[in-house]
PDB file of N, CA and C in Angstrom:
ATOM      1  N   MET A   1       0.893  -1.133   0.059  1.00  0.00           N
ATOM      2  CA  MET A   1       0.072   0.194   0.056  1.00  0.00           C
ATOM      3  C   MET A   1       0.977   1.476  -0.062  1.00  0.00           C
ATOM      4  N   LYS A   2       1.937   1.277   0.870  1.00  0.00           N
ATOM      5  CA  LYS A   2       2.973   2.150   0.478  1.00  0.00           C
ATOM      6  C   LYS A   2       3.262   2.918  -0.640  1.00  0.00           C
ATOM      7  N   LYS A   3       3.971   1.827  -1.568  1.00  0.00           N
ATOM      8  CA  LYS A   3       4.228   1.667  -2.422  1.00  0.00           C
ATOM      9  C   LYS A   3       3.359   2.271  -4.097  1.00  0.00           C
ATOM     10  N   LEU A   4       2.037   1.676  -3.628  1.00  0.00           N
ATOM     11  CA  LEU A   4       1.100   3.046  -4.459  1.00  0.00           C
ATOM     12  C   LEU A   4       0.658   4.112  -4.124  1.00  0.00           C
ATOM     13  N   VAL A   5       0.634   4.211  -2.493  1.00  0.00           N
ATOM     14  CA  VAL A   5       0.720   5.873  -2.433  1.00  0.00           C
ATOM     15  C   VAL A   5       1.852   6.782  -2.524  1.00  0.00           C
ATOM     16  N   LEU A   6       3.483   6.486  -3.092  1.00  0.00           N
ATOM     17  CA  LEU A   6       4.579   6.513  -3.541  1.00  0.00           C
ATOM     18  C   LEU A   6       4.211   6.953  -4.611  1.00  0.00           C
ATOM     19  N   ILE A   7       4.130   6.266  -5.297  1.00  0.00           N
ATOM     20  CA  ILE A   7       3.978   6.190  -7.160  1.00  0.00           C
ATOM     21  C   ILE A   7       2.369   7.017  -7.213  1.00  0.00           C
ATOM     22  N   PHE A   8       1.856   7.273  -6.473  1.00  0.00           N
ATOM     23  CA  PHE A   8       0.646   7.926  -6.742  1.00  0.00           C
ATOM     24  C   PHE A   8       1.050   9.547  -6.752  1.00  0.00           C
ATOM     25  N   PHE A   9       1.891   9.635  -5.790  1.00  0.00           N
ATOM     26  CA  PHE A   9       2.311  10.721  -5.506  1.00  0.00           C
ATOM     27  C   PHE A   9       3.729  11.840  -6.207  1.00  0.00           C
ATOM     28  N   LEU A  10       4.443  10.895  -6.789  1.00  0.00           N
ATOM     29  CA  LEU A  10       5.558  11.043  -7.436  1.00  0.00           C
ATOM     30  C   LEU A  10       4.739  11.239  -9.022  1.00  0.00           C
ATOM     31  N   SER A  11       3.455  10.394  -9.411  1.00  0.00           N
ATOM     32  CA  SER A  11       3.089  10.455 -10.468  1.00  0.00           C
ATOM     33  C   SER A  11       2.468  12.093 -10.738  1.00  0.00           C
ATOM     34  N   ALA A  12       2.202  12.513  -9.665  1.00  0.00           N
ATOM     35  CA  ALA A  12       1.272  13.703  -9.302  1.00  0.00           C
ATOM     36  C   ALA A  12       2.141  14.987  -9.375  1.00  0.00           C
ATOM     37  N   PHE A  13       3.610  14.863  -8.680  1.00  0.00           N
ATOM     38  CA  PHE A  13       4.292  15.499  -8.617  1.00  0.00           C
ATOM     39  C   PHE A  13       5.225  16.000 -10.335  1.00  0.00           C
ATOM     40  N   TYR A  14       5.404  15.275 -10.824  1.00  0.00           N
ATOM     41  CA  TYR A  14       5.850  14.935 -11.973  1.00  0.00           C
ATOM     42  C   TYR A  14       5.079  15.472 -13.115  1.00  0.00           C
ATOM     43  N   SER A  15       3.962  15.126 -13.127  1.00  0.00           N
ATOM     44  CA  SER A  15       2.850  15.330 -14.377  1.00  0.00           C
ATOM     45  C   SER A  15       2.675  17.044 -14.307  1.00  0.00           C
ATOM     46  N   ASN A  16       3.307  17.950 -13.528  1.00  0.00           N
ATOM     47  CA  ASN A  16       3.089  19.236 -13.729  1.00  0.00           C
ATOM     48  C   ASN A  16       4.458  19.731 -14.336  1.00  0.00           C
ATOM     49  N   ALA A  17       5.750  18.986 -14.592  1.00  0.00           N
ATOM     50  CA  ALA A  17       6.696  19.721 -14.723  1.00  0.00           C
ATOM     51  C   ALA A  17       6.591  20.219 -16.358  1.00  0.00           C
ATOM     52  N   GLN A  18       7.518  20.844 -16.395  1.00  0.00           N
ATOM     53  CA  GLN A  18       7.302  22.143 -17.703  1.00  0.00           C
ATOM     54  C   GLN A  18       8.402  21.566 -18.744  1.00  0.00           C
ATOM     55  N   THR A  19       8.385  20.610 -19.281  1.00  0.00           N
ATOM     56  CA  THR A  19       9.433  20.149 -20.260  1.00  0.00           C
ATOM     57  C   THR A  19       8.789  19.837 -21.391  1.00  0.00           C
ATOM     58  N   LEU A  20       9.395  21.183 -22.098  1.00  0.00           N
ATOM     59  CA  LEU A  20       8.932  21.657 -23.946  1.00  0.00           C
ATOM     60  C   LEU A  20      10.283  20.560 -24.642  1.00  0.00           C
ATOM     61  N   PHE A  21       9.415  20.603 -25.984  1.00  0.00           N
ATOM     62  CA  PHE A  21      10.184  20.248 -27.072  1.00  0.00           C
ATOM     63  C   PHE A  21       9.895  21.283 -28.368  1.00  0.00           C
ATOM     64  N   SER A  22      10.286  21.712 -28.832  1.00  0.00           N
ATOM     65  CA  SER A  22      10.167  22.708 -30.054  1.00  0.00           C
ATOM     66  C   SER A  22      10.319  21.764 -31.655  1.00  0.00           C
ATOM     67  N   VAL A  23       8.722  21.799 -31.656  1.00  0.00           N
ATOM     68  CA  VAL A  23       8.565  20.783 -33.119  1.00  0.00           C
ATOM     69  C   VAL A  23       8.952  21.784 -34.082  1.00  0.00           C
ATOM     70  N   ASP A  24       8.765  21.228 -35.500  1.00  0.00           N
ATOM     71  CA  ASP A  24       9.067  21.662 -36.474  1.00  0.00           C
ATOM     72  C   ASP A  24       7.829  22.201 -37.205  1.00  0.00           C
ATOM     73  N   TYR A  25       6.808  21.917 -37.181  1.00  0.00           N
ATOM     74  CA  TYR A  25       5.438  22.311 -37.933  1.00  0.00           C
ATOM     75  C   TYR A  25       4.529  22.051 -36.917  1.00  0.00           C
ATOM     76  N   LYS A  26       3.826  23.020 -37.142  1.00  0.00           N
ATOM     77  CA  LYS A  26       2.347  23.508 -35.949  1.00  0.00           C
ATOM     78  C   LYS A  26       1.294  22.038 -36.013  1.00  0.00           C
ATOM     79  N   SER A  27       1.055  21.384 -36.896  1.00  0.00           N
ATOM     80  CA  SER A  27       0.454  20.143 -36.569  1.00  0.00           C
ATOM     81  C   SER A  27       0.872  19.630 -36.238  1.00  0.00           C
ATOM     82  N   GLN A  28       2.324  19.214 -35.198  1.00  0.00           N
ATOM     83  CA  GLN A  28       3.054  18.297 -34.289  1.00  0.00           C
ATOM     84  C   GLN A  28       2.583  18.867 -32.794  1.00  0.00           C
ATOM     85  N   ALA A  29       2.100  20.170 -32.675  1.00  0.00           N
ATOM     86  CA  ALA A  29       2.391  20.807 -31.755  1.00  0.00           C
ATOM     87  C   ALA A  29       0.973  21.124 -30.780  1.00  0.00           C
ATOM     88  N   ASP A  30       1.492  20.849 -29.566  1.00  0.00           N
ATOM     89  CA  ASP A  30       0.358  20.809 -28.282  1.00  0.00           C
ATOM     90  C   ASP A  30       0.098  22.174 -28.190  1.00  0.00           C
ATOM     91  N   ILE A  31       0.951  23.087 -28.584  1.00  0.00           N
ATOM     92  CA  ILE A  31       0.486  24.238 -28.046  1.00  0.00           C
ATOM     93  C   ILE A  31       1.466  25.557 -28.846  1.00  0.00           C
ATOM     94  N   SER A  32       0.857  26.423 -29.641  1.00  0.00           N
ATOM     95  CA  SER A  32       1.433  26.913 -30.372  1.00  0.00           C
ATOM     96  C   SER A  32       1.897  28.648 -29.204  1.00  0.00           C
ATOM     97  N   LEU A  33       3.097  29.304 -29.501  1.00  0.00           N
ATOM     98  CA  LEU A  33       3.870  30.161 -28.720  1.00  0.00           C
ATOM     99  C   LEU A  33       4.151  31.551 -29.927  1.00  0.00           C
ATOM    100  N   TYR A  34       4.339  32.850 -29.173  1.00  0.00           N
ATOM    101  CA  TYR A  34       4.662  33.896 -30.036  1.00  0.00           C
ATOM    102  C   TYR A  34       5.642  34.546 -28.731  1.00  0.00           C
ATOM    103  N   VAL A  35       6.261  34.980 -29.229  1.00  0.00           N
ATOM    104  CA  VAL A  35       7.540  35.706 -28.130  1.00  0.00           C
ATOM    105  C   VAL A  35       7.441  37.306 -28.311  1.00  0.00           C
ATOM    106  N   VAL A  36       6.584  37.699 -27.690  1.00  0.00           N
ATOM    107  CA  VAL A  36       6.948  39.194 -27.537  1.00  0.00           C
ATOM    108  C   VAL A  36       8.060  39.939 -27.160  1.00  0.00           C
ATOM    109  N   ASP A  37       7.808  41.067 -27.578  1.00  0.00           N
ATOM    110  CA  ASP A  37       8.969  42.104 -27.243  1.00  0.00           C
ATOM    111  C   ASP A  37       8.915  42.473 -25.919  1.00  0.00           C
ATOM    112  N   TYR A  38       7.913  42.671 -25.301  1.00  0.00           N
ATOM    113  CA  TYR A  38       8.074  43.218 -23.883  1.00  0.00           C
ATOM    114  C   TYR A  38       7.097  42.429 -22.833  1.00  0.00           C
ATOM    115  N   LYS A  39       7.330  42.628 -21.772  1.00  0.00           N
ATOM    116  CA  LYS A  39       6.934  41.971 -21.042  1.00  0.00           C
ATOM    117  C   LYS A  39       5.563  42.339 -20.543  1.00  0.00           C
ATOM    118  N   SER A  40       5.082  43.233 -20.617  1.00  0.00           N
ATOM    119  CA  SER A  40       3.705  43.874 -20.696  1.00  0.00           C
ATOM    120  C   SER A  40       2.730  42.971 -21.478  1.00  0.00           C
ATOM    121  N   GLN A  41       3.201  42.592 -22.686  1.00  0.00           N
ATOM    122  CA  GLN A  41       2.234  42.037 -23.742  1.00  0.00           C
ATOM    123  C   GLN A  41       1.923  40.793 -23.520  1.00  0.00           C
ATOM    124  N   ALA A  42       2.756  40.023 -22.626  1.00  0.00           N
ATOM    125  CA  ALA A  42       2.944  38.220 -22.397  1.00  0.00           C
ATOM    126  C   ALA A  42       1.910  38.193 -21.641  1.00  0.00           C
ATOM    127  N   ASP A  43       1.521  36.634 -21.886  1.00  0.00           N
ATOM    128  CA  ASP A  43       0.700  36.015 -21.101  1.00  0.00           C
ATOM    129  C   ASP A  43       1.362  35.313 -19.720  1.00  0.00           C
ATOM    130  N   LEU A  44       2.246  34.952 -20.315  1.00  0.00           N
ATOM    131  CA  LEU A  44       3.471  34.084 -19.686  1.00  0.00           C
ATOM    132  C   LEU A  44       5.033  34.948 -19.527  1.00  0.00           C
ATOM    133  N   LEU A  45       5.559  34.641 -18.267  1.00  0.00           N
ATOM    134  CA  LEU A  45       6.894  35.104 -18.679  1.00  0.00           C
ATOM    135  C   LEU A  45       7.907  33.589 -18.082  1.00  0.00           C
ATOM    136  N   VAL A  46       8.534  33.632 -19.059  1.00  0.00           N
ATOM    137  CA  VAL A  46       9.417  32.178 -19.015  1.00  0.00           C
ATOM    138  C   VAL A  46      10.545  32.558 -18.469  1.00  0.00           C
ATOM    139  N   TYR A  47      11.319  31.244 -17.719  1.00  0.00           N
ATOM    140  CA  TYR A  47      12.775  31.260 -17.361  1.00  0.00           C
ATOM    141  C   TYR A  47      13.044  29.769 -18.021  1.00  0.00           C
ATOM    142  N   LYS A  48      14.201  29.816 -18.335  1.00  0.00           N
ATOM    143  CA  LYS A  48      14.602  28.745 -18.917  1.00  0.00           C
ATOM    144  C   LYS A  48      15.702  28.311 -17.776  1.00  0.00           C
ATOM    145  N   VAL A  49      15.452  27.355 -17.377  1.00  0.00           N
ATOM    146  CA  VAL A  49      16.060  26.423 -16.265  1.00  0.00           C
ATOM    147  C   VAL A  49      17.154  25.672 -16.726  1.00  0.00           C
ATOM    148  N   ASP A  50      18.130  24.922 -15.910  1.00  0.00           N
ATOM    149  CA  ASP A  50      19.488  24.783 -16.648  1.00  0.00           C
ATOM    150  C   ASP A  50      19.488  22.853 -16.483  1.00  0.00           C
ATOM    151  N   TYR A  51      18.562  22.627 -15.210  1.00  0.00           N
ATOM    152  CA  TYR A  51      18.127  21.490 -15.283  1.00  0.00           C
ATOM    153  C   TYR A  51      16.656  20.814 -15.118  1.00  0.00           C
ATOM    154  N   LYS A  52      16.129  20.093 -15.651  1.00  0.00           N
ATOM    155  CA  LYS A  52      15.076  19.222 -15.913  1.00  0.00           C
ATOM    156  C   LYS A  52      14.552  18.765 -14.396  1.00  0.00           C
ATOM    157  N   SER A  53      15.319  19.032 -13.348  1.00  0.00           N
ATOM    158  CA  SER A  53      14.463  18.912 -11.798  1.00  0.00           C
ATOM    159  C   SER A  53      14.072  20.264 -11.605  1.00  0.00           C
ATOM    160  N   GLN A  54      14.601  21.400 -11.916  1.00  0.00           N
ATOM    161  CA  GLN A  54      14.234  22.898 -11.807  1.00  0.00           C
ATOM    162  C   GLN A  54      12.507  23.155 -12.372  1.00  0.00           C
ATOM    163  N   ALA A  55      12.147  22.918 -13.118  1.00  0.00           N
ATOM    164  CA  ALA A  55      11.082  22.785 -13.983  1.00  0.00           C
ATOM    165  C   ALA A  55      10.193  22.184 -13.657  1.00  0.00           C
ATOM    166  N   LYS A  56       9.496  22.826 -12.186  1.00  0.00           N
ATOM    167  CA  LYS A  56       8.683  22.001 -11.480  1.00  0.00           C
ATOM    168  C   LYS A  56       7.340  23.158 -11.629  1.00  0.00           C
ATOM    169  N   GLY A  57       5.856  22.414 -11.471  1.00  0.00           N
ATOM    170  CA  GLY A  57       5.186  23.285 -11.733  1.00  0.00           C
ATOM    171  C   GLY A  57       4.654  24.059 -12.589  1.00  0.00           C
ATOM    172  N   ASN A  58       3.878  24.763 -13.025  1.00  0.00           N
ATOM    173  CA  ASN A  58       2.775  25.661 -13.856  1.00  0.00           C
ATOM    174  C   ASN A  58       2.755  27.198 -13.562  1.00  0.00           C
ATOM    175  N   GLU A  59       4.462  27.281 -13.663  1.00  0.00           N
ATOM    176  CA  GLU A  59       4.981  29.022 -13.233  1.00  0.00           C
ATOM    177  C   GLU A  59       5.927  29.368 -14.187  1.00  0.00           C
ATOM    178  N   GLY A  60       6.187  28.569 -15.436  1.00  0.00           N
ATOM    179  CA  GLY A  60       7.017  29.414 -16.344  1.00  0.00           C
ATOM    180  C   GLY A  60       8.756  29.245 -16.313  1.00  0.00           C
ATOM    181  N   LEU A  61       8.964  28.117 -15.316  1.00  0.00           N
ATOM    182  CA  LEU A  61      10.119  27.709 -15.267  1.00  0.00           C
ATOM    183  C   LEU A  61      10.279  26.322 -16.311  1.00  0.00           C
ATOM    184  N   TRP A  62      10.939  26.728 -17.401  1.00  0.00           N
ATOM    185  CA  TRP A  62      10.660  25.750 -18.771  1.00  0.00           C
ATOM    186  C   TRP A  62      11.968  25.154 -19.242  1.00  0.00           C
ATOM    187  N   TYR A  63      12.268  23.525 -19.424  1.00  0.00           N
ATOM    188  CA  TYR A  63      13.539  22.933 -19.728  1.00  0.00           C
ATOM    189  C   TYR A  63      13.463  22.395 -20.554  1.00  0.00           C
ATOM    190  N   PHE A  64      14.288  22.673 -21.571  1.00  0.00           N
ATOM    191  CA  PHE A  64      13.845  22.438 -23.412  1.00  0.00           C
ATOM    192  C   PHE A  64      14.773  20.939 -23.935  1.00  0.00           C
ATOM    193  N   VAL A  65      14.324  20.019 -23.763  1.00  0.00           N
ATOM    194  CA  VAL A  65      14.475  18.684 -23.552  1.00  0.00           C
ATOM    195  C   VAL A  65      15.188  18.493 -25.245  1.00  0.00           C
ATOM    196  N   ASP A  66      15.979  17.465 -25.376  1.00  0.00           N
ATOM    197  CA  ASP A  66      16.712  17.179 -26.856  1.00  0.00           C
ATOM    198  C   ASP A  66      15.649  16.098 -27.910  1.00  0.00           C
ATOM    199  N   TYR A  67      14.502  15.578 -27.063  1.00  0.00           N
ATOM    200  CA  TYR A  67      13.956  14.622 -27.902  1.00  0.00           C
ATOM    201  C   TYR A  67      12.561  14.827 -27.631  1.00  0.00           C
ATOM    202  N   LYS A  68      11.267  14.579 -28.490  1.00  0.00           N
ATOM    203  CA  LYS A  68      10.112  14.829 -28.649  1.00  0.00           C
ATOM    204  C   LYS A  68       9.694  13.817 -26.994  1.00  0.00           C
ATOM    205  N   SER A  69      10.001  12.595 -27.499  1.00  0.00           N
ATOM    206  CA  SER A  69       9.323  12.109 -26.285  1.00  0.00           C
ATOM    207  C   SER A  69       9.353  11.932 -25.060  1.00  0.00           C
ATOM    208  N   GLN A  70      10.485  12.703 -24.178  1.00  0.00           N
ATOM    209  CA  GLN A  70      11.299  13.294 -23.197  1.00  0.00           C
ATOM    210  C   GLN A  70      10.187  14.557 -22.930  1.00  0.00           C
ATOM    211  N   ALA A  71       9.435  15.015 -23.563  1.00  0.00           N
ATOM    212  CA  ALA A  71       8.856  16.504 -23.218  1.00  0.00           C
ATOM    213  C   ALA A  71       7.257  16.412 -22.915  1.00  0.00           C
ATOM    214  N   ASP A  72       7.216  17.211 -22.194  1.00  0.00           N
ATOM    215  CA  ASP A  72       5.600  17.024 -21.642  1.00  0.00           C
ATOM    216  C   ASP A  72       4.685  17.822 -22.483  1.00  0.00           C
ATOM    217  N   PHE A  73       5.178  18.686 -23.257  1.00  0.00           N
ATOM    218  CA  PHE A  73       4.805  19.461 -24.263  1.00  0.00           C
ATOM    219  C   PHE A  73       5.620  19.707 -25.531  1.00  0.00           C
ATOM    220  N   ASN A  74       5.087  19.727 -26.279  1.00  0.00           N
ATOM    221  CA  ASN A  74       5.554  19.734 -28.047  1.00  0.00           C
ATOM    222  C   ASN A  74       5.236  21.403 -28.133  1.00  0.00           C
ATOM    223  N   ILE A  75       5.682  21.982 -28.450  1.00  0.00           N
ATOM    224  CA  ILE A  75       5.509  23.566 -29.009  1.00  0.00           C
ATOM    225  C   ILE A  75       6.005  23.693 -30.320  1.00  0.00           C
ATOM    226  N   TYR A  76       5.439  24.552 -30.907  1.00  0.00           N
ATOM    227  CA  TYR A  76       5.728  25.533 -32.307  1.00  0.00           C
ATOM    228  C   TYR A  76       5.685  27.069 -31.929  1.00  0.00           C
ATOM    229  N   PHE A  77       6.882  27.405 -32.157  1.00  0.00           N
ATOM    230  CA  PHE A  77       7.077  29.227 -32.396  1.00  0.00           C
ATOM    231  C   PHE A  77       6.367  29.811 -33.759  1.00  0.00           C
ATOM    232  N   VAL A  78       5.338  30.526 -33.734  1.00  0.00           N
ATOM    233  CA  VAL A  78       4.153  31.275 -34.886  1.00  0.00           C
ATOM    234  C   VAL A  78       5.521  32.409 -35.108  1.00  0.00           C
ATOM    235  N   ASP A  79       5.072  33.034 -36.135  1.00  0.00           N
ATOM    236  CA  ASP A  79       5.502  34.235 -36.847  1.00  0.00           C
ATOM    237  C   ASP A  79       4.473  35.773 -36.387  1.00  0.00           C
ATOM    238  N   TYR A  80       3.703  35.049 -36.260  1.00  0.00           N
ATOM    239  CA  TYR A  80       2.575  36.249 -35.635  1.00  0.00           C
ATOM    240  C   TYR A  80       1.650  35.989 -34.695  1.00  0.00           C
ATOM    241  N   LYS A  81       1.181  37.106 -34.031  1.00  0.00           N
ATOM    242  CA  LYS A  81       1.096  37.214 -32.753  1.00  0.00           C
ATOM    243  C   LYS A  81      -0.315  36.580 -32.585  1.00  0.00           C
ATOM    244  N   SER A  82      -1.202  36.721 -33.523  1.00  0.00           N
ATOM    245  CA  SER A  82      -2.659  36.327 -33.904  1.00  0.00           C
ATOM    246  C   SER A  82      -2.574  35.074 -34.024  1.00  0.00           C
ATOM    247  N   GLN A  83      -1.375  33.726 -34.611  1.00  0.00           N
ATOM    248  CA  GLN A  83      -1.397  33.055 -34.789  1.00  0.00           C
ATOM    249  C   GLN A  83      -1.273  31.876 -33.464  1.00  0.00           C
ATOM    250  N   ALA A  84      -0.901  32.778 -32.459  1.00  0.00           N
ATOM    251  CA  ALA A  84      -0.406  32.188 -31.144  1.00  0.00           C
ATOM    252  C   ALA A  84      -1.746  31.663 -30.076  1.00  0.00           C
ATOM    253  N   ASP A  85      -1.621  30.631 -29.391  1.00  0.00           N
ATOM    254  CA  ASP A  85      -2.220  30.115 -28.340  1.00  0.00           C
ATOM    255  C   ASP A  85      -1.982  30.696 -27.037  1.00  0.00           C
ATOM    256  N   LEU A  86      -0.811  31.256 -26.756  1.00  0.00           N
ATOM    257  CA  LEU A  86       0.313  31.877 -25.569  1.00  0.00           C
ATOM    258  C   LEU A  86       1.391  32.753 -26.107  1.00  0.00           C
ATOM    259  N   LYS A  87       1.102  33.838 -25.571  1.00  0.00           N
ATOM    260  CA  LYS A  87       2.124  35.013 -25.833  1.00  0.00           C
ATOM    261  C   LYS A  87       3.028  34.688 -24.538  1.00  0.00           C
ATOM    262  N   ILE A  88       4.669  34.543 -24.912  1.00  0.00           N
ATOM    263  CA  ILE A  88       5.467  34.600 -24.041  1.00  0.00           C
ATOM    264  C   ILE A  88       6.318  35.860 -23.942  1.00  0.00           C
ATOM    265  N   PHE A  89       7.317  35.932 -23.067  1.00  0.00           N
ATOM    266  CA  PHE A  89       7.954  36.833 -22.470  1.00  0.00           C
ATOM    267  C   PHE A  89       9.444  35.982 -21.912  1.00  0.00           C
ATOM    268  N   PHE A  90      10.366  35.481 -22.450  1.00  0.00           N
ATOM    269  CA  PHE A  90      11.566  35.211 -21.772  1.00  0.00           C
ATOM    270  C   PHE A  90      12.586  36.111 -20.779  1.00  0.00           C
ATOM    271  N   VAL A  91      12.439  35.612 -19.480  1.00  0.00           N
ATOM    272  CA  VAL A  91      13.118  36.944 -18.700  1.00  0.00           C
ATOM    273  C   VAL A  91      14.629  36.082 -18.197  1.00  0.00           C
ATOM    274  N   ASP A  92      15.223  37.263 -17.658  1.00  0.00           N
ATOM    275  CA  ASP A  92      16.600  36.689 -17.571  1.00  0.00           C
ATOM    276  C   ASP A  92      16.645  36.302 -15.786  1.00  0.00           C
ATOM    277  N   TYR A  93      15.934  36.485 -14.753  1.00  0.00           N
ATOM    278  CA  TYR A  93      15.896  35.917 -13.716  1.00  0.00           C
ATOM    279  C   TYR A  93      14.552  34.601 -13.353  1.00  0.00           C
ATOM    280  N   LYS A  94      14.941  33.888 -12.550  1.00  0.00           N
ATOM    281  CA  LYS A  94      13.728  32.721 -12.348  1.00  0.00           C
ATOM    282  C   LYS A  94      13.171  33.552 -11.300  1.00  0.00           C
ATOM    283  N   SER A  95      13.317  34.212 -10.638  1.00  0.00           N
ATOM    284  CA  SER A  95      12.057  34.944  -9.468  1.00  0.00           C
ATOM    285  C   SER A  95      11.189  35.982 -10.459  1.00  0.00           C
ATOM    286  N   GLN A  96      11.253  36.269 -11.536  1.00  0.00           N
ATOM    287  CA  GLN A  96      10.865  37.182 -12.144  1.00  0.00           C
ATOM    288  C   GLN A  96       9.458  36.054 -13.147  1.00  0.00           C
ATOM    289  N   ALA A  97       9.622  35.102 -13.535  1.00  0.00           N
ATOM    290  CA  ALA A  97       9.144  33.703 -14.270  1.00  0.00           C
ATOM    291  C   ALA A  97       7.585  33.704 -13.383  1.00  0.00           C
ATOM    292  N   GLY A  98       6.349  33.621 -14.023  1.00  0.00           N
ATOM    293  CA  GLY A  98       5.090  33.235 -13.573  1.00  0.00           C
ATOM    294  C   GLY A  98       3.749  33.930 -14.901  1.00  0.00           C
ATOM    295  N   TRP A  99       2.962  33.592 -14.273  1.00  0.00           N
ATOM    296  CA  TRP A  99       1.827  34.061 -15.144  1.00  0.00           C
ATOM    297  C   TRP A  99       1.359  35.731 -15.328  1.00  0.00           C
ATOM    298  N   GLN A 100       1.306  36.484 -16.308  1.00  0.00           N
ATOM    299  CA  GLN A 100       0.399  37.832 -16.294  1.00  0.00           C
ATOM    300  C   GLN A 100      -0.548  37.266 -16.177  1.00  0.00           C
ATOM    301  N   SER A 101      -1.477  36.383 -17.011  1.00  0.00           N
ATOM    302  CA  SER A 101      -2.864  36.386 -17.372  1.00  0.00           C
ATOM    303  C   SER A 101      -3.307  35.050 -17.373  1.00  0.00           C
ATOM    304  N   LYS A 102      -3.986  34.844 -15.652  1.00  0.00           N
ATOM    305  CA  LYS A 102      -4.045  33.619 -15.111  1.00  0.00           C
ATOM    306  C   LYS A 102      -5.374  32.485 -16.465  1.00  0.00           C
ATOM    307  N   GLU A 103      -5.926  33.743 -17.535  1.00  0.00           N
ATOM    308  CA  GLU A 103      -7.472  32.848 -18.035  1.00  0.00           C
ATOM    309  C   GLU A 103      -6.454  31.896 -18.724  1.00  0.00           C
ATOM    310  N   LYS A 104      -5.213  31.727 -19.446  1.00  0.00           N
ATOM    311  CA  LYS A 104      -4.564  30.823 -20.372  1.00  0.00           C
ATOM    312  C   LYS A 104      -3.515  29.832 -19.243  1.00  0.00           C
ATOM    313  N   LYS A 105      -3.550  29.895 -18.119  1.00  0.00           N
ATOM    314  CA  LYS A 105      -2.877  28.466 -17.298  1.00  0.00           C
ATOM    315  C   LYS A 105      -3.180  27.195 -17.748  1.00  0.00           C
ATOM    316  N   HIS A 106      -4.730  27.209 -18.220  1.00  0.00           N
ATOM    317  CA  HIS A 106      -5.061  25.843 -18.278  1.00  0.00           C
ATOM    318  C   HIS A 106      -4.421  25.178 -19.402  1.00  0.00           C
ATOM    319  N   LEU A 107      -3.879  25.813 -20.534  1.00  0.00           N
ATOM    320  CA  LEU A 107      -3.024  25.249 -21.440  1.00  0.00           C
ATOM    321  C   LEU A 107      -2.030  24.510 -21.318  1.00  0.00           C
ATOM    322  N   LEU A 108      -1.371  25.210 -20.180  1.00  0.00           N
ATOM    323  CA  LEU A 108       0.319  23.855 -19.647  1.00  0.00           C
ATOM    324  C   LEU A 108      -0.302  23.007 -18.773  1.00  0.00           C
ATOM    325  N   TYR A 109      -1.329  22.632 -18.368  1.00  0.00           N
ATOM    326  CA  TYR A 109      -1.814  21.398 -17.919  1.00  0.00           C
ATOM    327  C   TYR A 109      -2.012  20.352 -17.822  1.00  0.00           C
TER     328      TYR A 109
END
């Protein structure tokens, strides 16, 4: 019974990880993104972490993986803001990461 509880806890913990893989075609993506020029235009402020273990929760801490099979989400970067499901801005510090607009937070669950 303890093993079952531990497995459930660990799967819940890792299910919200934010590991991503950038695909070549929009049809392969779970979500399309547009990188905005200013923080104020973004739905989500993203910080790229150095290690997969740092990409926890749904708070904009992202780790980019080398293979599609390792990713929680496959993403595609679009050329125009109107084509995007989510607008993001890459920040310089981990403490700056987070949702500006919580109405789109469900897209990364």
